[in-house]
């Protein structure tokens, strides 16, 4: 199965949000992203450096697990790795700051419990 093609990140972002329609997926993604950032910082600042690898495994492991077992879809990372990584951070930030609901609604995602 080939990944959809997008001409710009602006086209990709709504697709990304629709791939994360279930609030549990978004919560798991955000938890994995923040845990990965904490491990990355810890590994780079205080060591041990192998925590950097653990950070990658935690971040992607949480995200991919939620796609396979909750959403039942293919992670966007496989077709658009850089846009997907940036979108992970964007979605986690918007979830944390309260701006995600509006973005989900613009993308056509039901927001009953986001």
PDB file of N, CA and C in Angstrom:
ATOM      1  N   UNK A   1       0.840  -1.182   0.000  1.00  0.00           N
ATOM      2  CA  UNK A   1       0.000   0.000   0.000  1.00  0.00           C
ATOM      3  C   UNK A   1       0.887   1.247   0.000  1.00  0.00           C
ATOM      4  N   UNK A   2       0.695   2.114  -0.964  1.00  0.00           N
ATOM      5  CA  UNK A   2       1.509   3.318  -1.053  1.00  0.00           C
ATOM      6  C   UNK A   2       0.854   4.458  -0.275  1.00  0.00           C
ATOM      7  N   UNK A   3       1.706   5.314   0.241  1.00  0.00           N
ATOM      8  CA  UNK A   3       1.218   6.463   1.005  1.00  0.00           C
ATOM      9  C   UNK A   3       0.639   7.498   0.051  1.00  0.00           C
ATOM     10  N   UNK A   4      -0.406   8.200   0.491  1.00  0.00           N
ATOM     11  CA  UNK A   4      -0.949   9.292  -0.341  1.00  0.00           C
ATOM     12  C   UNK A   4       0.130  10.341  -0.593  1.00  0.00           C
ATOM     13  N   UNK A   5       0.061  10.982  -1.737  1.00  0.00           N
ATOM     14  CA  UNK A   5       1.012  12.039  -2.086  1.00  0.00           C
ATOM     15  C   UNK A   5       0.399  13.399  -1.789  1.00  0.00           C
ATOM     16  N   UNK A   6       1.202  14.262  -1.235  1.00  0.00           N
ATOM     17  CA  UNK A   6       0.759  15.610  -0.898  1.00  0.00           C
ATOM     18  C   UNK A   6       1.731  16.600  -1.508  1.00  0.00           C
ATOM     19  N   UNK A   7       1.199  17.720  -1.981  1.00  0.00           N
ATOM     20  CA  UNK A   7       2.020  18.759  -2.577  1.00  0.00           C
ATOM     21  C   UNK A   7       2.636  19.682  -1.528  1.00  0.00           C
ATOM     22  N   UNK A   8       2.045  19.701  -0.332  1.00  0.00           N
ATOM     23  CA  UNK A   8       2.533  20.612   0.698  1.00  0.00           C
ATOM     24  C   UNK A   8       2.185  20.062   2.087  1.00  0.00           C
ATOM     25  N   UNK A   9       2.848  20.627   3.072  1.00  0.00           N
ATOM     26  CA  UNK A   9       2.529  20.256   4.443  1.00  0.00           C
ATOM     27  C   UNK A   9       1.100  20.667   4.791  1.00  0.00           C
ATOM     28  N   UNK A  10       0.629  21.765   4.243  1.00  0.00           N
ATOM     29  CA  UNK A  10      -0.743  22.225   4.495  1.00  0.00           C
ATOM     30  C   UNK A  10      -1.764  21.185   4.035  1.00  0.00           C
ATOM     31  N   UNK A  11      -1.461  20.443   2.993  1.00  0.00           N
ATOM     32  CA  UNK A  11      -2.333  19.348   2.553  1.00  0.00           C
ATOM     33  C   UNK A  11      -2.189  18.132   3.457  1.00  0.00           C
ATOM     34  N   UNK A  12      -0.988  17.907   3.938  1.00  0.00           N
ATOM     35  CA  UNK A  12      -0.711  16.730   4.770  1.00  0.00           C
ATOM     36  C   UNK A  12      -1.352  16.825   6.145  1.00  0.00           C
ATOM     37  N   UNK A  13      -1.326  17.984   6.776  1.00  0.00           N
ATOM     38  CA  UNK A  13      -1.781  18.166   8.159  1.00  0.00           C
ATOM     39  C   UNK A  13      -3.212  17.660   8.400  1.00  0.00           C
ATOM     40  N   UNK A  14      -4.204  18.018   7.583  1.00  0.00           N
ATOM     41  CA  UNK A  14      -5.549  17.476   7.815  1.00  0.00           C
ATOM     42  C   UNK A  14      -5.605  15.953   7.681  1.00  0.00           C
ATOM     43  N   UNK A  15      -4.848  15.409   6.742  1.00  0.00           N
ATOM     44  CA  UNK A  15      -4.763  13.952   6.602  1.00  0.00           C
ATOM     45  C   UNK A  15      -4.200  13.336   7.878  1.00  0.00           C
ATOM     46  N   UNK A  16      -3.128  13.932   8.384  1.00  0.00           N
ATOM     47  CA  UNK A  16      -2.506  13.458   9.619  1.00  0.00           C
ATOM     48  C   UNK A  16      -3.524  13.437  10.752  1.00  0.00           C
ATOM     49  N   UNK A  17      -4.287  14.501  10.893  1.00  0.00           N
ATOM     50  CA  UNK A  17      -5.282  14.566  11.959  1.00  0.00           C
ATOM     51  C   UNK A  17      -6.365  13.506  11.784  1.00  0.00           C
ATOM     52  N   UNK A  18      -6.784  13.270  10.560  1.00  0.00           N
ATOM     53  CA  UNK A  18      -7.801  12.238  10.315  1.00  0.00           C
ATOM     54  C   UNK A  18      -7.264  10.851  10.629  1.00  0.00           C
ATOM     55  N   UNK A  19      -5.959  10.654  10.504  1.00  0.00           N
ATOM     56  CA  UNK A  19      -5.338   9.373  10.857  1.00  0.00           C
ATOM     57  C   UNK A  19      -5.264   9.191  12.376  1.00  0.00           C
ATOM     58  N   UNK A  20      -5.580  10.242  13.126  1.00  0.00           N
ATOM     59  CA  UNK A  20      -5.551  10.231  14.585  1.00  0.00           C
ATOM     60  C   UNK A  20      -6.924  10.612  15.133  1.00  0.00           C
ATOM     61  N   UNK A  21      -7.961  10.038  14.554  1.00  0.00           N
ATOM     62  CA  UNK A  21      -9.333  10.412  14.898  1.00  0.00           C
ATOM     63  C   UNK A  21      -9.739   9.996  16.304  1.00  0.00           C
ATOM     64  N   UNK A  22      -9.222   8.900  16.795  1.00  0.00           N
ATOM     65  CA  UNK A  22      -9.593   8.417  18.123  1.00  0.00           C
ATOM     66  C   UNK A  22      -8.824   9.198  19.194  1.00  0.00           C
ATOM     67  N   UNK A  23      -9.531   9.741  20.183  1.00  0.00           N
ATOM     68  CA  UNK A  23      -8.847  10.510  21.237  1.00  0.00           C
ATOM     69  C   UNK A  23      -7.793   9.693  21.982  1.00  0.00           C
ATOM     70  N   UNK A  24      -7.982   8.379  22.065  1.00  0.00           N
ATOM     71  CA  UNK A  24      -6.976   7.536  22.739  1.00  0.00           C
ATOM     72  C   UNK A  24      -5.671   7.537  21.954  1.00  0.00           C
ATOM     73  N   UNK A  25      -5.768   7.525  20.644  1.00  0.00           N
ATOM     74  CA  UNK A  25      -4.565   7.579  19.814  1.00  0.00           C
ATOM     75  C   UNK A  25      -3.827   8.888  20.043  1.00  0.00           C
ATOM     76  N   UNK A  26      -4.566   9.976  20.063  1.00  0.00           N
ATOM     77  CA  UNK A  26      -3.931  11.280  20.293  1.00  0.00           C
ATOM     78  C   UNK A  26      -3.287  11.338  21.671  1.00  0.00           C
ATOM     79  N   UNK A  27      -3.936  10.787  22.679  1.00  0.00           N
ATOM     80  CA  UNK A  27      -3.378  10.799  24.035  1.00  0.00           C
ATOM     81  C   UNK A  27      -2.109   9.947  24.116  1.00  0.00           C
ATOM     82  N   UNK A  28      -2.137   8.786  23.482  1.00  0.00           N
ATOM     83  CA  UNK A  28      -0.958   7.920  23.495  1.00  0.00           C
ATOM     84  C   UNK A  28       0.187   8.568  22.727  1.00  0.00           C
ATOM     85  N   UNK A  29      -0.132   9.195  21.594  1.00  0.00           N
ATOM     86  CA  UNK A  29       0.897   9.908  20.831  1.00  0.00           C
ATOM     87  C   UNK A  29       1.526  11.009  21.684  1.00  0.00           C
ATOM     88  N   UNK A  30       0.705  11.806  22.322  1.00  0.00           N
ATOM     89  CA  UNK A  30       1.228  12.908  23.131  1.00  0.00           C
ATOM     90  C   UNK A  30       2.074  12.384  24.282  1.00  0.00           C
ATOM     91  N   UNK A  31       1.600  11.351  24.964  1.00  0.00           N
ATOM     92  CA  UNK A  31       2.370  10.767  26.073  1.00  0.00           C
ATOM     93  C   UNK A  31       3.709  10.244  25.564  1.00  0.00           C
ATOM     94  N   UNK A  32       3.697   9.555  24.427  1.00  0.00           N
ATOM     95  CA  UNK A  32       4.941   9.050  23.852  1.00  0.00           C
ATOM     96  C   UNK A  32       5.876  10.164  23.435  1.00  0.00           C
ATOM     97  N   UNK A  33       5.324  11.228  22.870  1.00  0.00           N
ATOM     98  CA  UNK A  33       6.140  12.365  22.439  1.00  0.00           C
ATOM     99  C   UNK A  33       6.793  13.045  23.633  1.00  0.00           C
ATOM    100  N   UNK A  34       6.018  13.320  24.675  1.00  0.00           N
ATOM    101  CA  UNK A  34       6.591  13.997  25.847  1.00  0.00           C
ATOM    102  C   UNK A  34       7.578  13.100  26.596  1.00  0.00           C
ATOM    103  N   UNK A  35       7.289  11.802  26.673  1.00  0.00           N
ATOM    104  CA  UNK A  35       8.232  10.868  27.298  1.00  0.00           C
ATOM    105  C   UNK A  35       9.525  10.797  26.487  1.00  0.00           C
ATOM    106  N   UNK A  36       9.395  10.759  25.174  1.00  0.00           N
ATOM    107  CA  UNK A  36      10.579  10.709  24.317  1.00  0.00           C
ATOM    108  C   UNK A  36      11.422  11.978  24.463  1.00  0.00           C
ATOM    109  N   UNK A  37      10.770  13.126  24.522  1.00  0.00           N
ATOM    110  CA  UNK A  37      11.511  14.374  24.698  1.00  0.00           C
ATOM    111  C   UNK A  37      12.245  14.405  26.039  1.00  0.00           C
ATOM    112  N   UNK A  38      11.597  13.924  27.083  1.00  0.00           N
ATOM    113  CA  UNK A  38      12.237  13.877  28.403  1.00  0.00           C
ATOM    114  C   UNK A  38      13.443  12.939  28.391  1.00  0.00           C
ATOM    115  N   UNK A  39      13.278  11.765  27.788  1.00  0.00           N
ATOM    116  CA  UNK A  39      14.393  10.813  27.707  1.00  0.00           C
ATOM    117  C   UNK A  39      15.527  11.356  26.848  1.00  0.00           C
ATOM    118  N   UNK A  40      15.173  12.013  25.751  1.00  0.00           N
ATOM    119  CA  UNK A  40      16.179  12.603  24.878  1.00  0.00           C
ATOM    120  C   UNK A  40      16.994  13.656  25.633  1.00  0.00           C
ATOM    121  N   UNK A  41      16.296  14.551  26.319  1.00  0.00           N
ATOM    122  CA  UNK A  41      16.989  15.591  27.090  1.00  0.00           C
ATOM    123  C   UNK A  41      17.863  14.983  28.179  1.00  0.00           C
ATOM    124  N   UNK A  42      17.325  14.014  28.886  1.00  0.00           N
ATOM    125  CA  UNK A  42      18.079  13.355  29.947  1.00  0.00           C
ATOM    126  C   UNK A  42      19.329  12.686  29.378  1.00  0.00           C
ATOM    127  N   UNK A  43      19.161  11.979  28.279  1.00  0.00           N
ATOM    128  CA  UNK A  43      20.291  11.289  27.668  1.00  0.00           C
ATOM    129  C   UNK A  43      21.353  12.244  27.159  1.00  0.00           C
ATOM    130  N   UNK A  44      20.942  13.361  26.579  1.00  0.00           N
ATOM    131  CA  UNK A  44      21.911  14.314  26.039  1.00  0.00           C
ATOM    132  C   UNK A  44      22.581  15.163  27.111  1.00  0.00           C
ATOM    133  N   UNK A  45      21.834  15.496  28.163  1.00  0.00           N
ATOM    134  CA  UNK A  45      22.367  16.393  29.190  1.00  0.00           C
ATOM    135  C   UNK A  45      23.115  15.629  30.292  1.00  0.00           C
ATOM    136  N   UNK A  46      22.484  14.580  30.800  1.00  0.00           N
ATOM    137  CA  UNK A  46      23.049  13.896  31.954  1.00  0.00           C
ATOM    138  C   UNK A  46      23.575  12.502  31.634  1.00  0.00           C
ATOM    139  N   UNK A  47      23.201  11.970  30.492  1.00  0.00           N
ATOM    140  CA  UNK A  47      23.630  10.625  30.141  1.00  0.00           C
ATOM    141  C   UNK A  47      22.830   9.587  30.909  1.00  0.00           C
ATOM    142  N   UNK A  48      22.940   8.363  30.621  1.00  0.00           N
ATOM    143  CA  UNK A  48      23.788   7.811  29.576  1.00  0.00           C
ATOM    144  C   UNK A  48      23.219   8.071  28.183  1.00  0.00           C
ATOM    145  N   UNK A  49      24.095   8.083  27.220  1.00  0.00           N
ATOM    146  CA  UNK A  49      23.715   8.453  25.855  1.00  0.00           C
ATOM    147  C   UNK A  49      22.765   7.443  25.222  1.00  0.00           C
ATOM    148  N   UNK A  50      22.758   6.211  25.714  1.00  0.00           N
ATOM    149  CA  UNK A  50      21.844   5.215  25.136  1.00  0.00           C
ATOM    150  C   UNK A  50      20.381   5.588  25.374  1.00  0.00           C
ATOM    151  N   UNK A  51      20.124   6.522  26.272  1.00  0.00           N
ATOM    152  CA  UNK A  51      18.747   6.981  26.473  1.00  0.00           C
ATOM    153  C   UNK A  51      18.195   7.679  25.222  1.00  0.00           C
ATOM    154  N   UNK A  52      19.080   8.177  24.377  1.00  0.00           N
ATOM    155  CA  UNK A  52      18.643   8.793  23.122  1.00  0.00           C
ATOM    156  C   UNK A  52      17.948   7.728  22.267  1.00  0.00           C
ATOM    157  N   UNK A  53      18.518   6.534  22.193  1.00  0.00           N
ATOM    158  CA  UNK A  53      17.895   5.437  21.452  1.00  0.00           C
ATOM    159  C   UNK A  53      16.582   5.019  22.108  1.00  0.00           C
ATOM    160  N   UNK A  54      16.580   4.961  23.425  1.00  0.00           N
ATOM    161  CA  UNK A  54      15.351   4.614  24.139  1.00  0.00           C
ATOM    162  C   UNK A  54      14.263   5.647  23.850  1.00  0.00           C
ATOM    163  N   UNK A  55      14.643   6.912  23.755  1.00  0.00           N
ATOM    164  CA  UNK A  55      13.675   7.975  23.452  1.00  0.00           C
ATOM    165  C   UNK A  55      12.996   7.719  22.112  1.00  0.00           C
ATOM    166  N   UNK A  56      13.775   7.350  21.116  1.00  0.00           N
ATOM    167  CA  UNK A  56      13.212   7.063  19.793  1.00  0.00           C
ATOM    168  C   UNK A  56      12.265   5.865  19.874  1.00  0.00           C
ATOM    169  N   UNK A  57      12.674   4.831  20.565  1.00  0.00           N
ATOM    170  CA  UNK A  57      11.837   3.635  20.702  1.00  0.00           C
ATOM    171  C   UNK A  57      10.540   3.919  21.446  1.00  0.00           C
ATOM    172  N   UNK A  58      10.612   4.720  22.486  1.00  0.00           N
ATOM    173  CA  UNK A  58       9.412   5.063  23.261  1.00  0.00           C
ATOM    174  C   UNK A  58       8.456   5.906  22.418  1.00  0.00           C
ATOM    175  N   UNK A  59       8.979   6.915  21.768  1.00  0.00           N
ATOM    176  CA  UNK A  59       8.132   7.793  20.969  1.00  0.00           C
ATOM    177  C   UNK A  59       7.441   7.069  19.833  1.00  0.00           C
ATOM    178  N   UNK A  60       8.218   6.376  19.024  1.00  0.00           N
ATOM    179  CA  UNK A  60       7.624   5.669  17.892  1.00  0.00           C
ATOM    180  C   UNK A  60       6.850   4.436  18.338  1.00  0.00           C
ATOM    181  N   UNK A  61       7.319   3.769  19.368  1.00  0.00           N
ATOM    182  CA  UNK A  61       6.615   2.580  19.863  1.00  0.00           C
ATOM    183  C   UNK A  61       5.199   2.906  20.310  1.00  0.00           C
ATOM    184  N   UNK A  62       5.055   3.975  21.055  1.00  0.00           N
ATOM    185  CA  UNK A  62       3.721   4.385  21.517  1.00  0.00           C
ATOM    186  C   UNK A  62       2.840   4.762  20.326  1.00  0.00           C
ATOM    187  N   UNK A  63       3.387   5.548  19.421  1.00  0.00           N
ATOM    188  CA  UNK A  63       2.608   6.009  18.271  1.00  0.00           C
ATOM    189  C   UNK A  63       2.174   4.844  17.387  1.00  0.00           C
ATOM    190  N   UNK A  64       3.110   4.008  17.014  1.00  0.00           N
ATOM    191  CA  UNK A  64       2.785   2.906  16.109  1.00  0.00           C
ATOM    192  C   UNK A  64       1.837   1.906  16.746  1.00  0.00           C
ATOM    193  N   UNK A  65       2.015   1.647  18.032  1.00  0.00           N
ATOM    194  CA  UNK A  65       1.109   0.726  18.724  1.00  0.00           C
ATOM    195  C   UNK A  65      -0.324   1.244  18.663  1.00  0.00           C
ATOM    196  N   UNK A  66      -0.498   2.542  18.876  1.00  0.00           N
ATOM    197  CA  UNK A  66      -1.855   3.098  18.832  1.00  0.00           C
ATOM    198  C   UNK A  66      -2.446   3.018  17.422  1.00  0.00           C
ATOM    199  N   UNK A  67      -1.630   3.162  16.402  1.00  0.00           N
ATOM    200  CA  UNK A  67      -2.147   3.037  15.036  1.00  0.00           C
ATOM    201  C   UNK A  67      -2.594   1.609  14.751  1.00  0.00           C
ATOM    202  N   UNK A  68      -1.784   0.663  15.120  1.00  0.00           N
ATOM    203  CA  UNK A  68      -2.098  -0.724  14.798  1.00  0.00           C
ATOM    204  C   UNK A  68      -3.263  -1.266  15.616  1.00  0.00           C
ATOM    205  N   UNK A  69      -3.342  -0.896  16.895  1.00  0.00           N
ATOM    206  CA  UNK A  69      -4.339  -1.514  17.772  1.00  0.00           C
ATOM    207  C   UNK A  69      -5.570  -0.657  18.049  1.00  0.00           C
ATOM    208  N   UNK A  70      -5.497   0.632  17.843  1.00  0.00           N
ATOM    209  CA  UNK A  70      -6.660   1.497  18.089  1.00  0.00           C
ATOM    210  C   UNK A  70      -7.239   1.994  16.768  1.00  0.00           C
ATOM    211  N   UNK A  71      -6.439   2.670  15.964  1.00  0.00           N
ATOM    212  CA  UNK A  71      -6.931   3.237  14.712  1.00  0.00           C
ATOM    213  C   UNK A  71      -7.094   2.188  13.612  1.00  0.00           C
ATOM    214  N   UNK A  72      -6.240   1.173  13.645  1.00  0.00           N
ATOM    215  CA  UNK A  72      -6.282   0.173  12.586  1.00  0.00           C
ATOM    216  C   UNK A  72      -5.803   0.716  11.251  1.00  0.00           C
ATOM    217  N   UNK A  73      -4.861   1.650  11.288  1.00  0.00           N
ATOM    218  CA  UNK A  73      -4.331   2.219  10.053  1.00  0.00           C
ATOM    219  C   UNK A  73      -2.808   2.199  10.059  1.00  0.00           C
ATOM    220  N   UNK A  74      -2.247   2.628   8.959  1.00  0.00           N
ATOM    221  CA  UNK A  74      -0.796   2.630   8.774  1.00  0.00           C
ATOM    222  C   UNK A  74      -0.249   3.984   9.222  1.00  0.00           C
ATOM    223  N   UNK A  75       0.752   3.994  10.090  1.00  0.00           N
ATOM    224  CA  UNK A  75       1.321   5.272  10.531  1.00  0.00           C
ATOM    225  C   UNK A  75       1.814   6.128   9.364  1.00  0.00           C
ATOM    226  N   UNK A  76       1.549   7.416   9.444  1.00  0.00           N
ATOM    227  CA  UNK A  76       1.972   8.346   8.394  1.00  0.00           C
ATOM    228  C   UNK A  76       3.492   8.414   8.287  1.00  0.00           C
ATOM    229  N   UNK A  77       4.189   8.017   9.336  1.00  0.00           N
ATOM    230  CA  UNK A  77       5.650   8.021   9.349  1.00  0.00           C
ATOM    231  C   UNK A  77       6.221   7.225   8.187  1.00  0.00           C
ATOM    232  N   UNK A  78       5.552   6.148   7.806  1.00  0.00           N
ATOM    233  CA  UNK A  78       6.084   5.273   6.772  1.00  0.00           C
ATOM    234  C   UNK A  78       6.127   5.945   5.402  1.00  0.00           C
ATOM    235  N   UNK A  79       5.236   6.882   5.136  1.00  0.00           N
ATOM    236  CA  UNK A  79       5.225   7.555   3.844  1.00  0.00           C
ATOM    237  C   UNK A  79       5.767   8.971   3.879  1.00  0.00           C
ATOM    238  N   UNK A  80       5.680   9.612   5.043  1.00  0.00           N
ATOM    239  CA  UNK A  80       6.061  11.016   5.184  1.00  0.00           C
ATOM    240  C   UNK A  80       6.766  11.210   6.534  1.00  0.00           C
ATOM    241  N   UNK A  81       7.987  10.689   6.668  1.00  0.00           N
ATOM    242  CA  UNK A  81       8.633  10.677   7.984  1.00  0.00           C
ATOM    243  C   UNK A  81       8.873  12.050   8.613  1.00  0.00           C
ATOM    244  N   UNK A  82       9.284  13.034   7.834  1.00  0.00           N
ATOM    245  CA  UNK A  82       9.609  14.328   8.423  1.00  0.00           C
ATOM    246  C   UNK A  82       8.353  15.132   8.744  1.00  0.00           C
ATOM    247  N   UNK A  83       7.401  15.141   7.831  1.00  0.00           N
ATOM    248  CA  UNK A  83       6.137  15.824   8.105  1.00  0.00           C
ATOM    249  C   UNK A  83       5.418  15.149   9.264  1.00  0.00           C
ATOM    250  N   UNK A  84       5.506  13.855   9.341  1.00  0.00           N
ATOM    251  CA  UNK A  84       4.855  13.126  10.420  1.00  0.00           C
ATOM    252  C   UNK A  84       5.487  13.458  11.774  1.00  0.00           C
ATOM    253  N   UNK A  85       6.806  13.488  11.832  1.00  0.00           N
ATOM    254  CA  UNK A  85       7.488  13.822  13.084  1.00  0.00           C
ATOM    255  C   UNK A  85       7.115  15.237  13.524  1.00  0.00           C
ATOM    256  N   UNK A  86       7.147  16.173  12.600  1.00  0.00           N
ATOM    257  CA  UNK A  86       6.745  17.538  12.939  1.00  0.00           C
ATOM    258  C   UNK A  86       5.299  17.608  13.393  1.00  0.00           C
ATOM    259  N   UNK A  87       4.454  16.816  12.760  1.00  0.00           N
ATOM    260  CA  UNK A  87       3.041  16.792  13.140  1.00  0.00           C
ATOM    261  C   UNK A  87       2.825  16.167  14.510  1.00  0.00           C
ATOM    262  N   UNK A  88       3.655  15.184  14.862  1.00  0.00           N
ATOM    263  CA  UNK A  88       3.576  14.615  16.212  1.00  0.00           C
ATOM    264  C   UNK A  88       3.805  15.705  17.257  1.00  0.00           C
ATOM    265  N   UNK A  89       4.847  16.503  17.038  1.00  0.00           N
ATOM    266  CA  UNK A  89       5.137  17.595  17.972  1.00  0.00           C
ATOM    267  C   UNK A  89       4.031  18.648  17.958  1.00  0.00           C
ATOM    268  N   UNK A  90       3.553  18.972  16.769  1.00  0.00           N
ATOM    269  CA  UNK A  90       2.484  19.973  16.649  1.00  0.00           C
ATOM    270  C   UNK A  90       1.218  19.505  17.355  1.00  0.00           C
ATOM    271  N   UNK A  91       0.822  18.252  17.114  1.00  0.00           N
ATOM    272  CA  UNK A  91      -0.390  17.737  17.735  1.00  0.00           C
ATOM    273  C   UNK A  91      -0.249  17.681  19.261  1.00  0.00           C
ATOM    274  N   UNK A  92       0.902  17.237  19.746  1.00  0.00           N
ATOM    275  CA  UNK A  92       1.116  17.167  21.194  1.00  0.00           C
ATOM    276  C   UNK A  92       1.054  18.565  21.814  1.00  0.00           C
ATOM    277  N   UNK A  93       1.668  19.535  21.158  1.00  0.00           N
ATOM    278  CA  UNK A  93       1.650  20.913  21.658  1.00  0.00           C
ATOM    279  C   UNK A  93       0.232  21.471  21.676  1.00  0.00           C
ATOM    280  N   UNK A  94      -0.500  21.258  20.583  1.00  0.00           N
ATOM    281  CA  UNK A  94      -1.877  21.752  20.513  1.00  0.00           C
ATOM    282  C   UNK A  94      -2.770  21.070  21.542  1.00  0.00           C
ATOM    283  N   UNK A  95      -2.535  19.799  21.795  1.00  0.00           N
ATOM    284  CA  UNK A  95      -3.283  19.088  22.827  1.00  0.00           C
ATOM    285  C   UNK A  95      -2.997  19.695  24.205  1.00  0.00           C
ATOM    286  N   UNK A  96      -1.739  19.977  24.447  1.00  0.00           N
ATOM    287  CA  UNK A  96      -1.321  20.552  25.724  1.00  0.00           C
ATOM    288  C   UNK A  96      -1.848  21.971  25.924  1.00  0.00           C
ATOM    289  N   UNK A  97      -1.916  22.752  24.859  1.00  0.00           N
ATOM    290  CA  UNK A  97      -2.279  24.166  24.965  1.00  0.00           C
ATOM    291  C   UNK A  97      -3.744  24.462  24.650  1.00  0.00           C
ATOM    292  N   UNK A  98      -4.508  23.426  24.295  1.00  0.00           N
ATOM    293  CA  UNK A  98      -5.936  23.609  24.060  1.00  0.00           C
ATOM    294  C   UNK A  98      -6.324  24.017  22.649  1.00  0.00           C
ATOM    295  N   UNK A  99      -5.400  23.978  21.733  1.00  0.00           N
ATOM    296  CA  UNK A  99      -5.713  24.388  20.370  1.00  0.00           C
ATOM    297  C   UNK A  99      -6.056  23.258  19.419  1.00  0.00           C
ATOM    298  N   UNK A 100      -6.053  22.025  19.909  1.00  0.00           N
ATOM    299  CA  UNK A 100      -6.237  20.891  19.008  1.00  0.00           C
ATOM    300  C   UNK A 100      -7.671  20.756  18.504  1.00  0.00           C
ATOM    301  N   UNK A 101      -8.641  21.033  19.344  1.00  0.00           N
ATOM    302  CA  UNK A 101     -10.045  20.854  18.943  1.00  0.00           C
ATOM    303  C   UNK A 101     -10.369  21.619  17.651  1.00  0.00           C
ATOM    304  N   UNK A 102      -9.954  22.850  17.560  1.00  0.00           N
ATOM    305  CA  UNK A 102     -10.230  23.657  16.362  1.00  0.00           C
ATOM    306  C   UNK A 102      -9.570  23.054  15.123  1.00  0.00           C
ATOM    307  N   UNK A 103      -8.354  22.559  15.266  1.00  0.00           N
ATOM    308  CA  UNK A 103      -7.659  21.941  14.135  1.00  0.00           C
ATOM    309  C   UNK A 103      -8.359  20.658  13.701  1.00  0.00           C
ATOM    310  N   UNK A 104      -8.811  19.872  14.673  1.00  0.00           N
ATOM    311  CA  UNK A 104      -9.532  18.641  14.354  1.00  0.00           C
ATOM    312  C   UNK A 104     -10.830  18.943  13.620  1.00  0.00           C
ATOM    313  N   UNK A 105     -11.544  19.955  14.085  1.00  0.00           N
ATOM    314  CA  UNK A 105     -12.803  20.324  13.442  1.00  0.00           C
ATOM    315  C   UNK A 105     -12.567  20.794  12.011  1.00  0.00           C
ATOM    316  N   UNK A 106     -11.512  21.567  11.779  1.00  0.00           N
ATOM    317  CA  UNK A 106     -11.195  22.002  10.417  1.00  0.00           C
ATOM    318  C   UNK A 106     -10.879  20.827   9.511  1.00  0.00           C
ATOM    319  N   UNK A 107     -10.310  19.764  10.102  1.00  0.00           N
ATOM    320  CA  UNK A 107      -9.944  18.576   9.319  1.00  0.00           C
ATOM    321  C   UNK A 107     -11.111  17.599   9.182  1.00  0.00           C
ATOM    322  N   UNK A 108     -12.247  17.924   9.814  1.00  0.00           N
ATOM    323  CA  UNK A 108     -13.413  17.067   9.710  1.00  0.00           C
ATOM    324  C   UNK A 108     -13.422  15.894  10.669  1.00  0.00           C
ATOM    325  N   UNK A 109     -12.682  16.005  11.760  1.00  0.00           N
ATOM    326  CA  UNK A 109     -12.620  14.940  12.762  1.00  0.00           C
ATOM    327  C   UNK A 109     -13.604  15.272  13.869  1.00  0.00           C
ATOM    328  N   UNK A 110     -14.464  14.317  14.217  1.00  0.00           N
ATOM    329  CA  UNK A 110     -15.419  14.515  15.317  1.00  0.00           C
ATOM    330  C   UNK A 110     -14.660  14.758  16.609  1.00  0.00           C
ATOM    331  N   UNK A 111     -15.103  15.745  17.389  1.00  0.00           N
ATOM    332  CA  UNK A 111     -14.352  16.135  18.590  1.00  0.00           C
ATOM    333  C   UNK A 111     -15.166  15.972  19.864  1.00  0.00           C
ATOM    334  N   UNK A 112     -15.993  14.997  19.923  1.00  0.00           N
ATOM    335  CA  UNK A 112     -16.810  14.791  21.115  1.00  0.00           C
ATOM    336  C   UNK A 112     -16.022  14.707  22.404  1.00  0.00           C
ATOM    337  N   UNK A 113     -14.806  14.106  22.359  1.00  0.00           N
ATOM    338  CA  UNK A 113     -14.039  13.957  23.599  1.00  0.00           C
ATOM    339  C   UNK A 113     -12.558  14.152  23.357  1.00  0.00           C
ATOM    340  N   UNK A 114     -12.194  15.172  22.594  1.00  0.00           N
ATOM    341  CA  UNK A 114     -10.766  15.430  22.359  1.00  0.00           C
ATOM    342  C   UNK A 114     -10.263  16.326  23.453  1.00  0.00           C
TER     343      UNK A 114
END
